[in-house]
Amino acid sequence: MGFKKHHWMVFNRSGEVLEIAIKGQMGERIDFFRCNNNKDLQNIVGIIKDKYGFNFQPEIKEEDSVNFKKRVEEERAWLDKQ
């Protein structure tokens, strides 16, 4: 038999609560998570990554990067001046 560990907020303490609902294609709720501190959030992110393969920090290709676009524009401007 197992139990879930909760980090409850102190009574009368105001704070933000993050709720993540994972839904299927038809809109039915598959899973639900709630947390109010960073430690629980990191655990939830790990669970979602392992269980559903969803990565919260997707890799951005170099050519799609804003910095790459700025650098290309600067190089083109420099070449146009000559």
Protein backbone atom coordinates (compact mmCIF):
# COMPACT_ATOMS: atom_id res chain seq x y z
CA MET A 1 0.00 0.00 0.00
CA GLY A 2 1.39 3.42 -0.94
CA PHE A 3 0.57 6.97 -0.15
CA LYS A 4 1.20 10.34 -1.75
CA LYS A 5 3.33 12.95 -0.06
CA HIS A 6 1.85 16.44 0.00
CA HIS A 7 3.41 19.75 0.94
CA TRP A 8 0.34 21.59 2.18
CA MET A 9 0.25 25.37 2.35
CA VAL A 10 -0.05 26.90 5.78
CA PHE A 11 -3.62 27.93 6.60
CA ASN A 12 -4.39 31.55 5.66
CA ARG A 13 -1.22 31.84 3.57
CA SER A 14 -1.83 33.23 0.13
CA GLY A 15 0.08 31.65 -2.70
CA GLU A 16 -0.17 30.45 -6.23
CA VAL A 17 -1.20 26.93 -7.08
CA LEU A 18 -0.30 25.41 -10.43
CA GLU A 19 -2.74 22.90 -11.87
CA ILE A 20 -1.84 20.81 -14.92
CA ALA A 21 -4.59 18.83 -16.62
CA ILE A 22 -3.61 16.38 -19.35
CA LYS A 23 -6.42 15.69 -21.77
CA GLY A 24 -6.89 13.24 -24.63
CA GLN A 25 -7.93 14.04 -28.17
CA MET A 26 -11.62 13.92 -27.33
CA GLY A 27 -11.20 16.23 -24.34
CA GLU A 28 -11.41 13.59 -21.62
CA ARG A 29 -9.11 14.19 -18.65
CA ILE A 30 -6.36 11.58 -18.56
CA ASP A 31 -4.24 12.91 -15.70
CA PHE A 32 -4.20 15.84 -13.30
CA PHE A 33 -1.42 17.41 -11.21
CA ARG A 34 -1.42 20.23 -8.66
CA CYS A 35 1.54 21.83 -6.88
CA ASN A 36 2.43 24.97 -4.97
CA ASN A 37 6.22 24.79 -4.65
CA ASN A 38 9.22 24.29 -6.90
CA LYS A 39 10.19 20.88 -5.51
CA ASP A 40 6.80 19.37 -6.36
CA LEU A 41 6.86 21.07 -9.76
CA GLN A 42 10.18 19.41 -10.65
CA ASN A 43 8.76 16.03 -9.63
CA ILE A 44 5.66 16.58 -11.76
CA VAL A 45 7.76 17.65 -14.76
CA GLY A 46 9.77 14.42 -14.40
CA ILE A 47 6.62 12.30 -14.17
CA ILE A 48 5.08 13.92 -17.26
CA LYS A 49 8.34 13.55 -19.19
CA ASP A 50 8.68 9.86 -18.28
CA LYS A 51 5.00 8.94 -18.60
CA TYR A 52 4.00 10.92 -21.69
CA GLY A 53 7.32 11.81 -23.36
CA PHE A 54 6.54 15.53 -23.27
CA ASN A 55 9.58 17.78 -22.99
CA PHE A 56 8.98 21.17 -21.38
CA GLN A 57 12.20 22.59 -22.82
CA PRO A 58 12.17 21.81 -26.53
CA GLU A 59 15.36 22.22 -28.47
CA ILE A 60 15.37 25.10 -30.92
CA LYS A 61 17.18 24.70 -34.21
CA GLU A 62 19.90 27.29 -34.84
CA GLU A 63 18.19 28.68 -37.93
CA ASP A 64 14.94 29.19 -35.97
CA SER A 65 16.69 31.08 -33.18
CA VAL A 66 16.06 34.81 -32.81
CA ASN A 67 19.79 35.40 -32.27
CA PHE A 68 20.60 33.62 -35.54
CA LYS A 69 18.14 35.79 -37.45
CA LYS A 70 19.59 38.98 -35.93
CA ARG A 71 23.13 37.87 -36.79
CA VAL A 72 22.16 37.11 -40.40
CA GLU A 73 20.47 40.51 -40.74
CA GLU A 74 23.56 42.27 -39.33
CA GLU A 75 25.85 40.41 -41.72
CA ARG A 76 23.63 41.27 -44.67
CA ALA A 77 23.53 44.93 -43.62
CA TRP A 78 27.33 44.98 -43.37
CA LEU A 79 27.67 43.44 -46.83
CA ASP A 80 25.13 45.86 -48.31
CA LYS A 81 27.18 48.83 -47.08
CA GLN A 82 30.14 47.69 -49.14
